[in-house]
PDB file of N, CA and C in Angstrom:
ATOM      1  N   MET A   1     149.762  -3.606 -28.311  1.00  0.00           N
ATOM      2  CA  MET A   1     150.464  -3.875 -29.563  1.00  0.00           C
ATOM      3  C   MET A   1     149.587  -3.522 -30.765  1.00  0.00           C
ATOM      4  N   ASN A   2     148.296  -3.794 -30.668  1.00  0.00           N
ATOM      5  CA  ASN A   2     147.385  -3.477 -31.751  1.00  0.00           C
ATOM      6  C   ASN A   2     147.305  -1.972 -31.976  1.00  0.00           C
ATOM      7  N   MET A   3     147.337  -1.203 -30.880  1.00  0.00           N
ATOM      8  CA  MET A   3     147.301   0.255 -30.982  1.00  0.00           C
ATOM      9  C   MET A   3     148.555   0.772 -31.689  1.00  0.00           C
ATOM     10  N   ALA A   4     149.689   0.164 -31.390  1.00  0.00           N
ATOM     11  CA  ALA A   4     150.941   0.561 -32.041  1.00  0.00           C
ATOM     12  C   ALA A   4     150.881   0.267 -33.535  1.00  0.00           C
ATOM     13  N   ASN A   5     150.323  -0.877 -33.914  1.00  0.00           N
ATOM     14  CA  ASN A   5     150.183  -1.220 -35.331  1.00  0.00           C
ATOM     15  C   ASN A   5     149.251  -0.245 -36.037  1.00  0.00           C
ATOM     16  N   ASN A   6     148.148   0.097 -35.380  1.00  0.00           N
ATOM     17  CA  ASN A   6     147.204   1.050 -35.981  1.00  0.00           C
ATOM     18  C   ASN A   6     147.854   2.413 -36.172  1.00  0.00           C
ATOM     19  N   LEU A   7     148.627   2.846 -35.195  1.00  0.00           N
ATOM     20  CA  LEU A   7     149.310   4.128 -35.288  1.00  0.00           C
ATOM     21  C   LEU A   7     150.354   4.111 -36.400  1.00  0.00           C
ATOM     22  N   ARG A   8     151.098   3.017 -36.499  1.00  0.00           N
ATOM     23  CA  ARG A   8     152.105   2.893 -37.553  1.00  0.00           C
ATOM     24  C   ARG A   8     151.445   2.861 -38.933  1.00  0.00           C
ATOM     25  N   ASN A   9     150.351   2.124 -39.057  1.00  0.00           N
ATOM     26  CA  ASN A   9     149.644   2.061 -40.338  1.00  0.00           C
ATOM     27  C   ASN A   9     149.090   3.430 -40.731  1.00  0.00           C
ATOM     28  N   THR A  10     148.527   4.144 -39.773  1.00  0.00           N
ATOM     29  CA  THR A  10     148.010   5.484 -40.045  1.00  0.00           C
ATOM     30  C   THR A  10     149.136   6.420 -40.477  1.00  0.00           C
ATOM     31  N   GLY A  11     150.256   6.347 -39.780  1.00  0.00           N
ATOM     32  CA  GLY A  11     151.407   7.166 -40.147  1.00  0.00           C
ATOM     33  C   GLY A  11     151.922   6.845 -41.537  1.00  0.00           C
ATOM     34  N   THR A  12     151.923   5.568 -41.884  1.00  0.00           N
ATOM     35  CA  THR A  12     152.376   5.163 -43.211  1.00  0.00           C
ATOM     36  C   THR A  12     151.451   5.693 -44.292  1.00  0.00           C
ATOM     37  N   ILE A  13     150.155   5.607 -44.063  1.00  0.00           N
ATOM     38  CA  ILE A  13     149.186   6.109 -45.043  1.00  0.00           C
ATOM     39  C   ILE A  13     149.345   7.624 -45.213  1.00  0.00           C
ATOM     40  N   ILE A  14     149.499   8.339 -44.120  1.00  0.00           N
ATOM     41  CA  ILE A  14     149.697   9.791 -44.201  1.00  0.00           C
ATOM     42  C   ILE A  14     150.973  10.099 -44.970  1.00  0.00           C
ATOM     43  N   LEU A  15     152.036   9.353 -44.697  1.00  0.00           N
ATOM     44  CA  LEU A  15     153.302   9.545 -45.398  1.00  0.00           C
ATOM     45  C   LEU A  15     153.145   9.278 -46.890  1.00  0.00           C
ATOM     46  N   ILE A  16     152.393   8.248 -47.253  1.00  0.00           N
ATOM     47  CA  ILE A  16     152.145   7.950 -48.667  1.00  0.00           C
ATOM     48  C   ILE A  16     151.432   9.125 -49.342  1.00  0.00           C
ATOM     49  N   PHE A  17     150.419   9.670 -48.673  1.00  0.00           N
ATOM     50  CA  PHE A  17     149.692  10.809 -49.240  1.00  0.00           C
ATOM     51  C   PHE A  17     150.601  12.028 -49.402  1.00  0.00           C
ATOM     52  N   LEU A  18     151.470  12.263 -48.428  1.00  0.00           N
ATOM     53  CA  LEU A  18     152.368  13.424 -48.497  1.00  0.00           C
ATOM     54  C   LEU A  18     153.458  13.247 -49.547  1.00  0.00           C
ATOM     55  N   ILE A  19     154.029  12.058 -49.631  1.00  0.00           N
ATOM     56  CA  ILE A  19     155.082  11.791 -50.614  1.00  0.00           C
ATOM     57  C   ILE A  19     154.517  11.848 -52.032  1.00  0.00           C
ATOM     58  N   SER A  20     153.285  11.441 -52.184  1.00  0.00           N
ATOM     59  CA  SER A  20     152.672  11.400 -53.512  1.00  0.00           C
ATOM     60  C   SER A  20     152.448  12.777 -54.114  1.00  0.00           C
ATOM     61  N   LEU A  21     152.310  13.772 -53.281  1.00  0.00           N
ATOM     62  CA  LEU A  21     152.010  15.119 -53.788  1.00  0.00           C
ATOM     63  C   LEU A  21     153.111  15.668 -54.691  1.00  0.00           C
ATOM     64  N   PRO A  22     154.366  15.756 -54.240  1.00  0.00           N
ATOM     65  CA  PRO A  22     155.389  16.268 -55.161  1.00  0.00           C
ATOM     66  C   PRO A  22     155.645  15.328 -56.340  1.00  0.00           C
ATOM     67  N   LEU A  23     155.505  14.023 -56.101  1.00  0.00           N
ATOM     68  CA  LEU A  23     155.668  13.072 -57.203  1.00  0.00           C
ATOM     69  C   LEU A  23     154.616  13.297 -58.281  1.00  0.00           C
ATOM     70  N   ALA A  24     153.386  13.559 -57.861  1.00  0.00           N
ATOM     71  CA  ALA A  24     152.300  13.778 -58.818  1.00  0.00           C
ATOM     72  C   ALA A  24     152.509  15.070 -59.608  1.00  0.00           C
ATOM     73  N   ILE A  25     152.971  16.105 -58.938  1.00  0.00           N
ATOM     74  CA  ILE A  25     153.229  17.365 -59.646  1.00  0.00           C
ATOM     75  C   ILE A  25     154.314  17.157 -60.689  1.00  0.00           C
ATOM     76  N   PHE A  26     155.405  16.509 -60.291  1.00  0.00           N
ATOM     77  CA  PHE A  26     156.501  16.257 -61.219  1.00  0.00           C
ATOM     78  C   PHE A  26     156.047  15.383 -62.388  1.00  0.00           C
ATOM     79  N   ALA A  27     155.348  14.284 -62.086  1.00  0.00           N
ATOM     80  CA  ALA A  27     154.912  13.357 -63.130  1.00  0.00           C
ATOM     81  C   ALA A  27     153.925  14.018 -64.087  1.00  0.00           C
ATOM     82  N   THR A  28     153.041  14.858 -63.576  1.00  0.00           N
ATOM     83  CA  THR A  28     152.063  15.536 -64.432  1.00  0.00           C
ATOM     84  C   THR A  28     152.758  16.461 -65.415  1.00  0.00           C
ATOM     85  N   ILE A  29     153.769  17.163 -64.960  1.00  0.00           N
ATOM     86  CA  ILE A  29     154.498  18.061 -65.848  1.00  0.00           C
ATOM     87  C   ILE A  29     155.319  17.271 -66.863  1.00  0.00           C
ATOM     88  N   VAL A  30     155.918  16.163 -66.418  1.00  0.00           N
ATOM     89  CA  VAL A  30     156.686  15.321 -67.338  1.00  0.00           C
ATOM     90  C   VAL A  30     155.770  14.730 -68.419  1.00  0.00           C
ATOM     91  N   LEU A  31     154.527  14.479 -68.064  1.00  0.00           N
ATOM     92  CA  LEU A  31     153.568  13.897 -69.004  1.00  0.00           C
ATOM     93  C   LEU A  31     152.864  14.942 -69.872  1.00  0.00           C
ATOM     94  N   LEU A  32     153.420  16.113 -69.968  1.00  0.00           N
ATOM     95  CA  LEU A  32     152.834  17.177 -70.786  1.00  0.00           C
ATOM     96  C   LEU A  32     152.531  16.739 -72.220  1.00  0.00           C
ATOM     97  N   PRO A  33     153.423  15.988 -72.880  1.00  0.00           N
ATOM     98  CA  PRO A  33     153.076  15.516 -74.232  1.00  0.00           C
ATOM     99  C   PRO A  33     151.821  14.634 -74.254  1.00  0.00           C
ATOM    100  N   LEU A  34     151.631  13.842 -73.225  1.00  0.00           N
ATOM    101  CA  LEU A  34     150.426  13.009 -73.140  1.00  0.00           C
ATOM    102  C   LEU A  34     149.188  13.883 -73.045  1.00  0.00           C
ATOM    103  N   TRP A  35     149.226  14.915 -72.210  1.00  0.00           N
ATOM    104  CA  TRP A  35     148.059  15.787 -72.055  1.00  0.00           C
ATOM    105  C   TRP A  35     147.743  16.526 -73.355  1.00  0.00           C
ATOM    106  N   ARG A  36     148.788  16.943 -74.062  1.00  0.00           N
ATOM    107  CA  ARG A  36     148.568  17.610 -75.360  1.00  0.00           C
ATOM    108  C   ARG A  36     147.948  16.646 -76.369  1.00  0.00           C
ATOM    109  N   TRP A  37     148.434  15.413 -76.365  1.00  0.00           N
ATOM    110  CA  TRP A  37     147.898  14.402 -77.271  1.00  0.00           C
ATOM    111  C   TRP A  37     146.433  14.124 -76.946  1.00  0.00           C
ATOM    112  N   LEU A  38     146.104  13.988 -75.655  1.00  0.00           N
ATOM    113  CA  LEU A  38     144.707  13.763 -75.265  1.00  0.00           C
ATOM    114  C   LEU A  38     143.804  14.900 -75.732  1.00  0.00           C
ATOM    115  N   GLU A  39     144.298  16.116 -75.576  1.00  0.00           N
ATOM    116  CA  GLU A  39     143.488  17.268 -75.980  1.00  0.00           C
ATOM    117  C   GLU A  39     143.293  17.306 -77.494  1.00  0.00           C
ATOM    118  N   ALA A  40     144.354  17.029 -78.230  1.00  0.00           N
ATOM    119  CA  ALA A  40     144.261  17.071 -79.690  1.00  0.00           C
ATOM    120  C   ALA A  40     143.436  15.914 -80.245  1.00  0.00           C
ATOM    121  N   THR A  41     143.582  14.739 -79.661  1.00  0.00           N
ATOM    122  CA  THR A  41     142.923  13.539 -80.191  1.00  0.00           C
ATOM    123  C   THR A  41     141.464  13.441 -79.770  1.00  0.00           C
ATOM    124  N   PHE A  42     141.192  13.641 -78.487  1.00  0.00           N
ATOM    125  CA  PHE A  42     139.853  13.407 -77.954  1.00  0.00           C
ATOM    126  C   PHE A  42     139.101  14.692 -77.598  1.00  0.00           C
ATOM    127  N   LYS A  43     139.724  15.838 -77.838  1.00  0.00           N
ATOM    128  CA  LYS A  43     139.104  17.139 -77.541  1.00  0.00           C
ATOM    129  C   LYS A  43     138.737  17.265 -76.063  1.00  0.00           C
ATOM    130  N   ILE A  44     139.565  16.677 -75.184  1.00  0.00           N
ATOM    131  CA  ILE A  44     139.386  16.787 -73.739  1.00  0.00           C
ATOM    132  C   ILE A  44     140.261  17.942 -73.261  1.00  0.00           C
ATOM    133  N   GLU A  45     139.668  18.925 -72.646  1.00  0.00           N
ATOM    134  CA  GLU A  45     140.418  20.096 -72.184  1.00  0.00           C
ATOM    135  C   GLU A  45     141.419  19.662 -71.105  1.00  0.00           C
ATOM    136  N   SER A  46     142.691  19.606 -71.478  1.00  0.00           N
ATOM    137  CA  SER A  46     143.708  19.157 -70.527  1.00  0.00           C
ATOM    138  C   SER A  46     144.892  20.100 -70.413  1.00  0.00           C
ATOM    139  N   ILE A  47     145.043  21.027 -71.321  1.00  0.00           N
ATOM    140  CA  ILE A  47     146.136  21.994 -71.262  1.00  0.00           C
ATOM    141  C   ILE A  47     145.537  23.393 -71.261  1.00  0.00           C
ATOM    142  N   GLY A  48     145.914  24.154 -70.249  1.00  0.00           N
ATOM    143  CA  GLY A  48     145.466  25.542 -70.177  1.00  0.00           C
ATOM    144  C   GLY A  48     146.629  26.476 -70.438  1.00  0.00           C
ATOM    145  N   HIS A  49     146.422  27.750 -70.205  1.00  0.00           N
ATOM    146  CA  HIS A  49     147.479  28.730 -70.433  1.00  0.00           C
ATOM    147  C   HIS A  49     148.606  28.611 -69.404  1.00  0.00           C
ATOM    148  N   SER A  50     148.325  27.969 -68.270  1.00  0.00           N
ATOM    149  CA  SER A  50     149.353  27.841 -67.221  1.00  0.00           C
ATOM    150  C   SER A  50     149.794  26.399 -67.000  1.00  0.00           C
ATOM    151  N   GLY A  51     149.533  25.530 -67.962  1.00  0.00           N
ATOM    152  CA  GLY A  51     149.975  24.139 -67.840  1.00  0.00           C
ATOM    153  C   GLY A  51     148.812  23.175 -67.840  1.00  0.00           C
ATOM    154  N   PRO A  52     149.065  21.955 -67.369  1.00  0.00           N
ATOM    155  CA  PRO A  52     148.001  20.942 -67.357  1.00  0.00           C
ATOM    156  C   PRO A  52     146.812  21.363 -66.489  1.00  0.00           C
ATOM    157  N   ALA A  53     145.651  20.864 -66.863  1.00  0.00           N
ATOM    158  CA  ALA A  53     144.433  21.160 -66.109  1.00  0.00           C
ATOM    159  C   ALA A  53     144.478  20.469 -64.744  1.00  0.00           C
ATOM    160  N   GLU A  54     143.636  20.938 -63.853  1.00  0.00           N
ATOM    161  CA  GLU A  54     143.620  20.401 -62.481  1.00  0.00           C
ATOM    162  C   GLU A  54     143.315  18.904 -62.458  1.00  0.00           C
ATOM    163  N   TRP A  55     142.431  18.446 -63.337  1.00  0.00           N
ATOM    164  CA  TRP A  55     142.079  17.027 -63.322  1.00  0.00           C
ATOM    165  C   TRP A  55     143.278  16.153 -63.676  1.00  0.00           C
ATOM    166  N   CYS A  56     144.231  16.674 -64.440  1.00  0.00           N
ATOM    167  CA  CYS A  56     145.438  15.919 -64.778  1.00  0.00           C
ATOM    168  C   CYS A  56     146.259  15.640 -63.526  1.00  0.00           C
ATOM    169  N   TYR A  57     146.421  16.673 -62.690  1.00  0.00           N
ATOM    170  CA  TYR A  57     147.157  16.511 -61.440  1.00  0.00           C
ATOM    171  C   TYR A  57     146.461  15.509 -60.520  1.00  0.00           C
ATOM    172  N   TRP A  58     145.141  15.632 -60.385  1.00  0.00           N
ATOM    173  CA  TRP A  58     144.402  14.729 -59.499  1.00  0.00           C
ATOM    174  C   TRP A  58     144.433  13.286 -60.005  1.00  0.00           C
ATOM    175  N   THR A  59     144.387  13.105 -61.307  1.00  0.00           N
ATOM    176  CA  THR A  59     144.444  11.755 -61.874  1.00  0.00           C
ATOM    177  C   THR A  59     145.779  11.094 -61.561  1.00  0.00           C
ATOM    178  N   ILE A  60     146.858  11.821 -61.792  1.00  0.00           N
ATOM    179  CA  ILE A  60     148.175  11.269 -61.523  1.00  0.00           C
ATOM    180  C   ILE A  60     148.373  11.052 -60.027  1.00  0.00           C
ATOM    181  N   TYR A  61     147.887  11.975 -59.205  1.00  0.00           N
ATOM    182  CA  TYR A  61     147.977  11.821 -57.744  1.00  0.00           C
ATOM    183  C   TYR A  61     147.259  10.550 -57.305  1.00  0.00           C
ATOM    184  N   PHE A  62     146.064  10.328 -57.808  1.00  0.00           N
ATOM    185  CA  PHE A  62     145.299   9.125 -57.465  1.00  0.00           C
ATOM    186  C   PHE A  62     146.044   7.862 -57.885  1.00  0.00           C
ATOM    187  N   ILE A  63     146.613   7.874 -59.066  1.00  0.00           N
ATOM    188  CA  ILE A  63     147.352   6.705 -59.555  1.00  0.00           C
ATOM    189  C   ILE A  63     148.573   6.426 -58.679  1.00  0.00           C
ATOM    190  N   ILE A  64     149.318   7.466 -58.323  1.00  0.00           N
ATOM    191  CA  ILE A  64     150.512   7.282 -57.501  1.00  0.00           C
ATOM    192  C   ILE A  64     150.140   6.800 -56.099  1.00  0.00           C
ATOM    193  N   VAL A  65     149.125   7.408 -55.486  1.00  0.00           N
ATOM    194  CA  VAL A  65     148.692   6.972 -54.156  1.00  0.00           C
ATOM    195  C   VAL A  65     148.248   5.515 -54.195  1.00  0.00           C
ATOM    196  N   THR A  66     147.473   5.151 -55.196  1.00  0.00           N
ATOM    197  CA  THR A  66     147.001   3.775 -55.317  1.00  0.00           C
ATOM    198  C   THR A  66     148.166   2.805 -55.470  1.00  0.00           C
ATOM    199  N   CYS A  67     149.116   3.132 -56.333  1.00  0.00           N
ATOM    200  CA  CYS A  67     150.273   2.256 -56.540  1.00  0.00           C
ATOM    201  C   CYS A  67     151.106   2.113 -55.265  1.00  0.00           C
ATOM    202  N   LEU A  68     151.354   3.221 -54.589  1.00  0.00           N
ATOM    203  CA  LEU A  68     152.145   3.151 -53.355  1.00  0.00           C
ATOM    204  C   LEU A  68     151.420   2.383 -52.259  1.00  0.00           C
ATOM    205  N   CYS A  69     150.117   2.537 -52.165  1.00  0.00           N
ATOM    206  CA  CYS A  69     149.349   1.771 -51.178  1.00  0.00           C
ATOM    207  C   CYS A  69     149.368   0.279 -51.495  1.00  0.00           C
ATOM    208  N   LEU A  70     149.258  -0.064 -52.762  1.00  0.00           N
ATOM    209  CA  LEU A  70     149.321  -1.470 -53.146  1.00  0.00           C
ATOM    210  C   LEU A  70     150.695  -2.065 -52.875  1.00  0.00           C
ATOM    211  N   ILE A  71     151.739  -1.309 -53.159  1.00  0.00           N
ATOM    212  CA  ILE A  71     153.101  -1.780 -52.872  1.00  0.00           C
ATOM    213  C   ILE A  71     153.287  -1.959 -51.376  1.00  0.00           C
ATOM    214  N   TRP A  72     152.825  -0.988 -50.593  1.00  0.00           N
ATOM    215  CA  TRP A  72     152.943  -1.078 -49.137  1.00  0.00           C
ATOM    216  C   TRP A  72     152.167  -2.276 -48.588  1.00  0.00           C
ATOM    217  N   ARG A  73     150.976  -2.469 -49.104  1.00  0.00           N
ATOM    218  CA  ARG A  73     150.173  -3.604 -48.635  1.00  0.00           C
ATOM    219  C   ARG A  73     150.823  -4.937 -49.012  1.00  0.00           C
ATOM    220  N   TYR A  74     151.387  -5.010 -50.207  1.00  0.00           N
ATOM    221  CA  TYR A  74     152.074  -6.226 -50.637  1.00  0.00           C
ATOM    222  C   TYR A  74     153.287  -6.497 -49.753  1.00  0.00           C
ATOM    223  N   LYS A  75     154.090  -5.463 -49.519  1.00  0.00           N
ATOM    224  CA  LYS A  75     155.280  -5.620 -48.672  1.00  0.00           C
ATOM    225  C   LYS A  75     154.901  -5.981 -47.245  1.00  0.00           C
ATOM    226  N   ARG A  76     153.862  -5.365 -46.734  1.00  0.00           N
ATOM    227  CA  ARG A  76     153.402  -5.636 -45.370  1.00  0.00           C
ATOM    228  C   ARG A  76     152.897  -7.074 -45.261  1.00  0.00           C
ATOM    229  N   GLY A  77     152.227  -7.539 -46.303  1.00  0.00           N
ATOM    230  CA  GLY A  77     151.719  -8.907 -46.302  1.00  0.00           C
ATOM    231  C   GLY A  77     152.839  -9.932 -46.374  1.00  0.00           C
ATOM    232  N   ASN A  78     153.899  -9.636 -47.121  1.00  0.00           N
ATOM    233  CA  ASN A  78     155.035 -10.563 -47.217  1.00  0.00           C
ATOM    234  C   ASN A  78     155.835 -10.611 -45.926  1.00  0.00           C
ATOM    235  N   GLY A  79     155.807  -9.566 -45.147  1.00  0.00           N
ATOM    236  CA  GLY A  79     156.565  -9.544 -43.890  1.00  0.00           C
ATOM    237  C   GLY A  79     155.939 -10.409 -42.816  1.00  0.00           C
ATOM    238  N   ARG A  80     154.693 -10.760 -42.962  1.00  0.00           N
ATOM    239  CA  ARG A  80     153.991 -11.577 -41.946  1.00  0.00           C
ATOM    240  C   ARG A  80     154.308 -13.046 -42.081  1.00  0.00           C
ATOM    241  N   GLN A  81     154.775 -13.456 -43.238  1.00  0.00           N
ATOM    242  CA  GLN A  81     154.972 -14.903 -43.442  1.00  0.00           C
ATOM    243  C   GLN A  81     156.206 -15.421 -42.775  1.00  0.00           C
TER     244      GLN A  81
END
Protein backbone atom coordinates (compact mmCIF):
# COMPACT_ATOMS: atom_id res chain seq x y z
CA MET A 1 0.00 0.00 0.00
CA ASN A 2 2.87 2.37 0.77
CA MET A 3 4.36 1.71 -2.67
CA ALA A 4 1.03 2.57 -4.29
CA ASN A 5 0.87 5.85 -2.33
CA ASN A 6 4.43 6.73 -3.35
CA LEU A 7 3.64 6.00 -6.99
CA ARG A 8 0.45 8.07 -6.85
CA ASN A 9 2.26 10.97 -5.16
CA THR A 10 5.05 10.86 -7.75
CA GLY A 11 2.50 10.82 -10.56
CA THR A 12 0.68 13.77 -9.03
CA ILE A 13 3.87 15.80 -8.73
CA ILE A 14 4.79 15.04 -12.35
CA LEU A 15 1.28 16.02 -13.44
CA ILE A 16 1.57 19.30 -11.51
CA PHE A 17 4.85 20.10 -13.27
CA LEU A 18 3.38 19.28 -16.69
CA ILE A 19 0.12 21.19 -16.15
CA SER A 20 2.04 24.21 -14.89
CA LEU A 21 3.99 24.62 -18.10
CA PRO A 22 1.19 25.84 -20.40
CA LEU A 23 -0.37 27.77 -17.52
CA ALA A 24 2.92 29.59 -16.93
CA ILE A 25 3.32 30.46 -20.61
CA PHE A 26 -0.23 31.82 -20.77
CA ALA A 27 0.07 33.73 -17.48
CA THR A 28 3.43 35.26 -18.45
CA ILE A 29 2.00 36.60 -21.69
CA VAL A 30 -1.13 37.89 -19.93
CA LEU A 31 1.14 39.69 -17.46
CA LEU A 32 2.91 41.60 -20.23
CA PRO A 33 1.86 44.98 -18.75
CA LEU A 34 3.47 43.97 -15.45
CA TRP A 35 6.76 43.10 -17.17
CA ARG A 36 6.74 46.42 -19.04
CA TRP A 37 6.07 48.27 -15.80
CA LEU A 38 8.92 46.43 -14.04
CA GLU A 39 11.30 47.32 -16.85
CA ALA A 40 10.27 50.97 -16.93
CA THR A 41 10.19 51.44 -13.15
CA PHE A 42 13.13 49.38 -11.91
CA LYS A 43 15.22 49.12 -15.11
CA ILE A 44 15.07 45.30 -14.91
CA GLU A 45 15.42 43.78 -18.37
CA SER A 46 12.13 41.91 -18.72
CA ILE A 47 10.87 42.59 -22.24
CA GLY A 48 12.85 41.65 -25.30
CA HIS A 49 12.14 41.88 -29.01
CA SER A 50 10.28 38.54 -28.89
CA GLY A 51 8.30 39.02 -25.67
CA PRO A 52 8.99 38.56 -21.97
CA ALA A 53 12.47 37.52 -20.87
CA GLU A 54 13.17 33.92 -19.89
CA TRP A 55 13.31 34.76 -16.18
CA CYS A 56 9.70 35.99 -16.37
CA TYR A 57 8.53 32.58 -17.57
CA TRP A 58 10.55 30.74 -14.91
CA THR A 59 9.28 33.03 -12.15
CA ILE A 60 5.66 32.45 -13.07
CA TYR A 61 6.28 28.71 -13.53
CA PHE A 62 7.80 28.50 -10.04
CA ILE A 63 4.87 30.41 -8.53
CA ILE A 64 2.28 28.19 -10.24
CA VAL A 65 4.07 24.95 -9.30
CA THR A 66 4.39 26.11 -5.70
CA CYS A 67 0.72 27.11 -5.49
CA LEU A 68 -0.49 23.85 -7.02
CA CYS A 69 1.74 21.79 -4.72
CA LEU A 70 0.46 23.67 -1.69
CA ILE A 71 -3.15 23.17 -2.79
CA TRP A 72 -2.51 19.47 -3.41
CA ARG A 73 -0.83 19.06 -0.04
CA TYR A 74 -3.68 20.87 1.71
CA LYS A 75 -6.31 18.75 -0.04
CA ARG A 76 -4.37 15.56 0.64
CA GLY A 77 -4.06 16.49 4.31
CA ASN A 78 -7.81 17.17 4.64
CA GLY A 79 -8.64 13.79 3.11
CA ARG A 80 -6.88 11.94 5.94
CA GLN A 81 -9.10 13.28 8.68
